[in-house]
PDB file of N, CA and C in Angstrom:
ATOM      1  N   PRO A   1       0.826  -1.205   0.000  1.00  0.00           N
ATOM      2  CA  PRO A   1       0.000   0.000   0.000  1.00  0.00           C
ATOM      3  C   PRO A   1       0.863   1.259   0.000  1.00  0.00           C
ATOM      4  N   GLU A   2       0.337   2.301  -0.606  1.00  0.00           N
ATOM      5  CA  GLU A   2       1.058   3.570  -0.631  1.00  0.00           C
ATOM      6  C   GLU A   2       0.816   4.325   0.661  1.00  0.00           C
ATOM      7  N   HIS A   3       1.835   5.022   1.095  1.00  0.00           N
ATOM      8  CA  HIS A   3       1.733   5.829   2.302  1.00  0.00           C
ATOM      9  C   HIS A   3       2.067   7.261   1.943  1.00  0.00           C
ATOM     10  N   GLU A   4       1.408   8.180   2.574  1.00  0.00           N
ATOM     11  CA  GLU A   4       1.717   9.585   2.388  1.00  0.00           C
ATOM     12  C   GLU A   4       2.150  10.160   3.716  1.00  0.00           C
ATOM     13  N   ILE A   5       3.103  11.054   3.644  1.00  0.00           N
ATOM     14  CA  ILE A   5       3.567  11.734   4.841  1.00  0.00           C
ATOM     15  C   ILE A   5       3.044  13.156   4.772  1.00  0.00           C
ATOM     16  N   TYR A   6       2.312  13.534   5.779  1.00  0.00           N
ATOM     17  CA  TYR A   6       1.704  14.853   5.783  1.00  0.00           C
ATOM     18  C   TYR A   6       2.499  15.810   6.648  1.00  0.00           C
ATOM     19  N   SER A   7       2.613  17.025   6.191  1.00  0.00           N
ATOM     20  CA  SER A   7       3.228  18.071   6.993  1.00  0.00           C
ATOM     21  C   SER A   7       2.257  18.463   8.097  1.00  0.00           C
ATOM     22  N   LEU A   8       2.795  18.751   9.248  1.00  0.00           N
ATOM     23  CA  LEU A   8       1.957  19.170  10.368  1.00  0.00           C
ATOM     24  C   LEU A   8       1.903  20.692  10.468  1.00  0.00           C
ATOM     25  N   GLY A   9       2.375  21.388   9.437  1.00  0.00           N
ATOM     26  CA  GLY A   9       2.479  22.841   9.482  1.00  0.00           C
ATOM     27  C   GLY A   9       1.236  23.579   9.925  1.00  0.00           C
ATOM     28  N   GLY A  10       0.065  23.221   9.450  1.00  0.00           N
ATOM     29  CA  GLY A  10      -1.155  23.923   9.810  1.00  0.00           C
ATOM     30  C   GLY A  10      -1.939  23.257  10.926  1.00  0.00           C
ATOM     31  N   PHE A  11      -1.367  22.228  11.495  1.00  0.00           N
ATOM     32  CA  PHE A  11      -2.058  21.455  12.524  1.00  0.00           C
ATOM     33  C   PHE A  11      -2.074  22.225  13.839  1.00  0.00           C
ATOM     34  N   ARG A  12      -3.233  22.253  14.488  1.00  0.00           N
ATOM     35  CA  ARG A  12      -3.358  22.925  15.786  1.00  0.00           C
ATOM     36  C   ARG A  12      -4.081  22.006  16.755  1.00  0.00           C
ATOM     37  N   ILE A  13      -3.821  22.208  18.023  1.00  0.00           N
ATOM     38  CA  ILE A  13      -4.383  21.362  19.078  1.00  0.00           C
ATOM     39  C   ILE A  13      -5.314  22.191  19.944  1.00  0.00           C
ATOM     40  N   TRP A  14      -6.458  21.598  20.283  1.00  0.00           N
ATOM     41  CA  TRP A  14      -7.424  22.276  21.150  1.00  0.00           C
ATOM     42  C   TRP A  14      -6.972  22.125  22.603  1.00  0.00           C
ATOM     43  N   ASN A  15      -6.725  23.238  23.263  1.00  0.00           N
ATOM     44  CA  ASN A  15      -6.338  23.249  24.667  1.00  0.00           C
ATOM     45  C   ASN A  15      -7.612  23.382  25.491  1.00  0.00           C
ATOM     46  N   ILE A  16      -7.996  22.306  26.174  1.00  0.00           N
ATOM     47  CA  ILE A  16      -9.272  22.320  26.903  1.00  0.00           C
ATOM     48  C   ILE A  16      -9.213  23.217  28.136  1.00  0.00           C
ATOM     49  N   ARG A  17      -8.033  23.425  28.697  1.00  0.00           N
ATOM     50  CA  ARG A  17      -7.933  24.306  29.866  1.00  0.00           C
ATOM     51  C   ARG A  17      -8.060  25.778  29.481  1.00  0.00           C
ATOM     52  N   ARG A  18      -7.491  26.133  28.336  1.00  0.00           N
ATOM     53  CA  ARG A  18      -7.545  27.534  27.896  1.00  0.00           C
ATOM     54  C   ARG A  18      -8.708  27.799  26.947  1.00  0.00           C
ATOM     55  N   ASN A  19      -9.369  26.724  26.530  1.00  0.00           N
ATOM     56  CA  ASN A  19     -10.536  26.828  25.654  1.00  0.00           C
ATOM     57  C   ASN A  19     -10.213  27.538  24.331  1.00  0.00           C
ATOM     58  N   ARG A  20      -9.088  27.102  23.715  1.00  0.00           N
ATOM     59  CA  ARG A  20      -8.678  27.691  22.431  1.00  0.00           C
ATOM     60  C   ARG A  20      -7.724  26.737  21.704  1.00  0.00           C
ATOM     61  N   PHE A  21      -7.561  26.996  20.397  1.00  0.00           N
ATOM     62  CA  PHE A  21      -6.588  26.249  19.609  1.00  0.00           C
ATOM     63  C   PHE A  21      -5.204  26.844  19.829  1.00  0.00           C
ATOM     64  N   GLU A  22      -4.210  25.962  19.871  1.00  0.00           N
ATOM     65  CA  GLU A  22      -2.827  26.393  20.014  1.00  0.00           C
ATOM     66  C   GLU A  22      -1.960  25.598  19.055  1.00  0.00           C
ATOM     67  N   ASP A  23      -0.795  26.154  18.735  1.00  0.00           N
ATOM     68  CA  ASP A  23       0.149  25.417  17.901  1.00  0.00           C
ATOM     69  C   ASP A  23       0.560  24.139  18.626  1.00  0.00           C
ATOM     70  N   TYR A  24       0.840  23.119  17.841  1.00  0.00           N
ATOM     71  CA  TYR A  24       1.211  21.855  18.464  1.00  0.00           C
ATOM     72  C   TYR A  24       2.616  21.961  19.063  1.00  0.00           C
ATOM     73  N   PRO A  25       2.872  21.211  20.126  1.00  0.00           N
ATOM     74  CA  PRO A  25       4.201  21.251  20.746  1.00  0.00           C
ATOM     75  C   PRO A  25       5.261  20.623  19.843  1.00  0.00           C
ATOM     76  N   ARG A  26       6.471  21.024  20.034  1.00  0.00           N
ATOM     77  CA  ARG A  26       7.599  20.514  19.249  1.00  0.00           C
ATOM     78  C   ARG A  26       7.685  18.988  19.348  1.00  0.00           C
ATOM     79  N   GLU A  27       7.272  18.431  20.462  1.00  0.00           N
ATOM     80  CA  GLU A  27       7.330  16.980  20.657  1.00  0.00           C
ATOM     81  C   GLU A  27       6.444  16.230  19.666  1.00  0.00           C
ATOM     82  N   VAL A  28       5.356  16.859  19.231  1.00  0.00           N
ATOM     83  CA  VAL A  28       4.478  16.226  18.239  1.00  0.00           C
ATOM     84  C   VAL A  28       5.220  16.084  16.916  1.00  0.00           C
ATOM     85  N   ASP A  29       5.954  17.121  16.518  1.00  0.00           N
ATOM     86  CA  ASP A  29       6.741  17.066  15.289  1.00  0.00           C
ATOM     87  C   ASP A  29       7.843  16.012  15.417  1.00  0.00           C
ATOM     88  N   THR A  30       8.484  15.956  16.567  1.00  0.00           N
ATOM     89  CA  THR A  30       9.524  14.953  16.808  1.00  0.00           C
ATOM     90  C   THR A  30       8.942  13.546  16.719  1.00  0.00           C
ATOM     91  N   LEU A  31       7.783  13.341  17.312  1.00  0.00           N
ATOM     92  CA  LEU A  31       7.120  12.039  17.247  1.00  0.00           C
ATOM     93  C   LEU A  31       6.757  11.690  15.808  1.00  0.00           C
ATOM     94  N   ASN A  32       6.255  12.652  15.050  1.00  0.00           N
ATOM     95  CA  ASN A  32       5.900  12.413  13.656  1.00  0.00           C
ATOM     96  C   ASN A  32       7.128  11.968  12.856  1.00  0.00           C
ATOM     97  N   ARG A  33       8.254  12.655  13.030  1.00  0.00           N
ATOM     98  CA  ARG A  33       9.481  12.278  12.323  1.00  0.00           C
ATOM     99  C   ARG A  33       9.962  10.891  12.761  1.00  0.00           C
ATOM    100  N   TYR A  34       9.862  10.597  14.048  1.00  0.00           N
ATOM    101  CA  TYR A  34      10.258   9.281  14.556  1.00  0.00           C
ATOM    102  C   TYR A  34       9.414   8.177  13.913  1.00  0.00           C
ATOM    103  N   LEU A  35       8.112   8.389  13.843  1.00  0.00           N
ATOM    104  CA  LEU A  35       7.224   7.376  13.265  1.00  0.00           C
ATOM    105  C   LEU A  35       7.486   7.183  11.779  1.00  0.00           C
ATOM    106  N   VAL A  36       7.751   8.273  11.063  1.00  0.00           N
ATOM    107  CA  VAL A  36       8.065   8.169   9.633  1.00  0.00           C
ATOM    108  C   VAL A  36       9.354   7.375   9.443  1.00  0.00           C
ATOM    109  N   ASN A  37      10.384   7.696  10.220  1.00  0.00           N
ATOM    110  CA  ASN A  37      11.655   6.978  10.102  1.00  0.00           C
ATOM    111  C   ASN A  37      11.513   5.516  10.500  1.00  0.00           C
ATOM    112  N   ASN A  38      10.692   5.239  11.500  1.00  0.00           N
ATOM    113  CA  ASN A  38      10.458   3.862  11.913  1.00  0.00           C
ATOM    114  C   ASN A  38       9.749   3.077  10.820  1.00  0.00           C
ATOM    115  N   LEU A  39       8.800   3.715  10.153  1.00  0.00           N
ATOM    116  CA  LEU A  39       8.091   3.058   9.055  1.00  0.00           C
ATOM    117  C   LEU A  39       9.074   2.692   7.959  1.00  0.00           C
ATOM    118  N   GLN A  40       9.977   3.622   7.619  1.00  0.00           N
ATOM    119  CA  GLN A  40      10.971   3.339   6.588  1.00  0.00           C
ATOM    120  C   GLN A  40      11.898   2.214   7.024  1.00  0.00           C
ATOM    121  N   ALA A  41      12.312   2.214   8.296  1.00  0.00           N
ATOM    122  CA  ALA A  41      13.176   1.150   8.806  1.00  0.00           C
ATOM    123  C   ALA A  41      12.437  -0.190   8.784  1.00  0.00           C
ATOM    124  N   TYR A  42      11.152  -0.180   9.115  1.00  0.00           N
ATOM    125  CA  TYR A  42      10.367  -1.412   9.109  1.00  0.00           C
ATOM    126  C   TYR A  42      10.331  -2.019   7.710  1.00  0.00           C
ATOM    127  N   ILE A  43      10.119  -1.187   6.719  1.00  0.00           N
ATOM    128  CA  ILE A  43      10.021  -1.688   5.346  1.00  0.00           C
ATOM    129  C   ILE A  43      11.322  -2.357   4.934  1.00  0.00           C
ATOM    130  N   PHE A  44      12.471  -1.765   5.316  1.00  0.00           N
ATOM    131  CA  PHE A  44      13.754  -2.326   4.903  1.00  0.00           C
ATOM    132  C   PHE A  44      14.215  -3.488   5.777  1.00  0.00           C
ATOM    133  N   CYS A  45      13.692  -3.620   6.992  1.00  0.00           N
ATOM    134  CA  CYS A  45      14.148  -4.673   7.905  1.00  0.00           C
ATOM    135  C   CYS A  45      13.152  -5.816   8.066  1.00  0.00           C
ATOM    136  N   SER A  46      11.936  -5.606   7.681  1.00  0.00           N
ATOM    137  CA  SER A  46      10.902  -6.610   7.886  1.00  0.00           C
ATOM    138  C   SER A  46      11.140  -7.828   7.003  1.00  0.00           C
ATOM    139  N   PRO A  47      11.009  -9.029   7.561  1.00  0.00           N
ATOM    140  CA  PRO A  47      11.132 -10.240   6.742  1.00  0.00           C
ATOM    141  C   PRO A  47      10.125 -10.267   5.593  1.00  0.00           C
ATOM    142  N   ASP A  48       9.005  -9.574   5.770  1.00  0.00           N
ATOM    143  CA  ASP A  48       7.997  -9.539   4.706  1.00  0.00           C
ATOM    144  C   ASP A  48       8.535  -8.863   3.449  1.00  0.00           C
ATOM    145  N   TYR A  49       9.459  -7.932   3.611  1.00  0.00           N
ATOM    146  CA  TYR A  49       9.959  -7.153   2.480  1.00  0.00           C
ATOM    147  C   TYR A  49      11.435  -7.400   2.182  1.00  0.00           C
ATOM    148  N   TYR A  50      12.187  -7.888   3.159  1.00  0.00           N
ATOM    149  CA  TYR A  50      13.638  -7.975   3.015  1.00  0.00           C
ATOM    150  C   TYR A  50      14.055  -8.847   1.832  1.00  0.00           C
ATOM    151  N   ASP A  51      13.446 -10.006   1.676  1.00  0.00           N
ATOM    152  CA  ASP A  51      13.830 -10.903   0.581  1.00  0.00           C
ATOM    153  C   ASP A  51      13.612 -10.254  -0.780  1.00  0.00           C
ATOM    154  N   ASP A  52      12.502  -9.545  -0.934  1.00  0.00           N
ATOM    155  CA  ASP A  52      12.240  -8.856  -2.204  1.00  0.00           C
ATOM    156  C   ASP A  52      13.262  -7.750  -2.445  1.00  0.00           C
ATOM    157  N   LEU A  53      13.579  -6.988  -1.396  1.00  0.00           N
ATOM    158  CA  LEU A  53      14.565  -5.916  -1.545  1.00  0.00           C
ATOM    159  C   LEU A  53      15.949  -6.478  -1.853  1.00  0.00           C
ATOM    160  N   LYS A  54      16.299  -7.583  -1.204  1.00  0.00           N
ATOM    161  CA  LYS A  54      17.594  -8.214  -1.459  1.00  0.00           C
ATOM    162  C   LYS A  54      17.682  -8.681  -2.911  1.00  0.00           C
ATOM    163  N   ARG A  55      16.618  -9.305  -3.391  1.00  0.00           N
ATOM    164  CA  ARG A  55      16.590  -9.773  -4.788  1.00  0.00           C
ATOM    165  C   ARG A  55      16.729  -8.598  -5.747  1.00  0.00           C
ATOM    166  N   LEU A  56      16.006  -7.507  -5.478  1.00  0.00           N
ATOM    167  CA  LEU A  56      16.088  -6.323  -6.331  1.00  0.00           C
ATOM    168  C   LEU A  56      17.484  -5.709  -6.297  1.00  0.00           C
ATOM    169  N   ALA A  57      18.105  -5.687  -5.117  1.00  0.00           N
ATOM    170  CA  ALA A  57      19.444  -5.108  -4.994  1.00  0.00           C
ATOM    171  C   ALA A  57      20.472  -5.942  -5.755  1.00  0.00           C
ATOM    172  N   LEU A  58      20.400  -7.258  -5.620  1.00  0.00           N
ATOM    173  CA  LEU A  58      21.364  -8.131  -6.290  1.00  0.00           C
ATOM    174  C   LEU A  58      21.217  -8.097  -7.806  1.00  0.00           C
ATOM    175  N   SER A  59      20.014  -7.907  -8.285  1.00  0.00           N
ATOM    176  CA  SER A  59      19.781  -7.892  -9.733  1.00  0.00           C
ATOM    177  C   SER A  59      20.077  -6.527 -10.356  1.00  0.00           C
ATOM    178  N   GLY A  60      20.241  -5.491  -9.522  1.00  0.00           N
ATOM    179  CA  GLY A  60      20.461  -4.141 -10.040  1.00  0.00           C
ATOM    180  C   GLY A  60      19.174  -3.387 -10.287  1.00  0.00           C
ATOM    181  N   ASP A  61      18.047  -4.067 -10.124  1.00  0.00           N
ATOM    182  CA  ASP A  61      16.757  -3.417 -10.364  1.00  0.00           C
ATOM    183  C   ASP A  61      16.448  -2.343  -9.323  1.00  0.00           C
ATOM    184  N   LEU A  62      16.967  -2.503  -8.104  1.00  0.00           N
ATOM    185  CA  LEU A  62      16.710  -1.508  -7.063  1.00  0.00           C
ATOM    186  C   LEU A  62      17.317  -0.162  -7.446  1.00  0.00           C
ATOM    187  N   ASP A  63      18.517  -0.177  -8.028  1.00  0.00           N
ATOM    188  CA  ASP A  63      19.136   1.072  -8.486  1.00  0.00           C
ATOM    189  C   ASP A  63      18.278   1.745  -9.546  1.00  0.00           C
ATOM    190  N   ALA A  64      17.730   0.949 -10.445  1.00  0.00           N
ATOM    191  CA  ALA A  64      16.875   1.505 -11.500  1.00  0.00           C
ATOM    192  C   ALA A  64      15.608   2.114 -10.912  1.00  0.00           C
ATOM    193  N   ILE A  65      15.022   1.431  -9.945  1.00  0.00           N
ATOM    194  CA  ILE A  65      13.797   1.932  -9.308  1.00  0.00           C
ATOM    195  C   ILE A  65      14.082   3.223  -8.558  1.00  0.00           C
ATOM    196  N   LEU A  66      15.139   3.220  -7.737  1.00  0.00           N
ATOM    197  CA  LEU A  66      15.466   4.414  -6.954  1.00  0.00           C
ATOM    198  C   LEU A  66      15.915   5.566  -7.847  1.00  0.00           C
ATOM    199  N   GLY A  67      16.486   5.246  -8.986  1.00  0.00           N
ATOM    200  CA  GLY A  67      16.897   6.284  -9.929  1.00  0.00           C
ATOM    201  C   GLY A  67      15.724   7.030 -10.537  1.00  0.00           C
ATOM    202  N   GLN A  68      14.539   6.441 -10.488  1.00  0.00           N
ATOM    203  CA  GLN A  68      13.346   7.084 -11.041  1.00  0.00           C
ATOM    204  C   GLN A  68      12.674   8.016 -10.046  1.00  0.00           C
ATOM    205  N   LEU A  69      13.080   7.965  -8.785  1.00  0.00           N
ATOM    206  CA  LEU A  69      12.442   8.790  -7.750  1.00  0.00           C
ATOM    207  C   LEU A  69      12.928  10.215  -7.791  1.00  0.00           C
TER     208      LEU A  69
END
């Protein structure tokens, strides 16, 4: 399946104590980057995908695919 990574630039959080929207904390952006990087690491390390990636790398097809990005 295709995944999209969304920017959190316009994202705001409702502060129930102050009864207003506020910019999200820096930790939310850090968490978002961590999850994106973890997803990428999962794809390359998961047994579900590793054999296919290894086959593509050995055949040279992975270079061709990445060259199109």
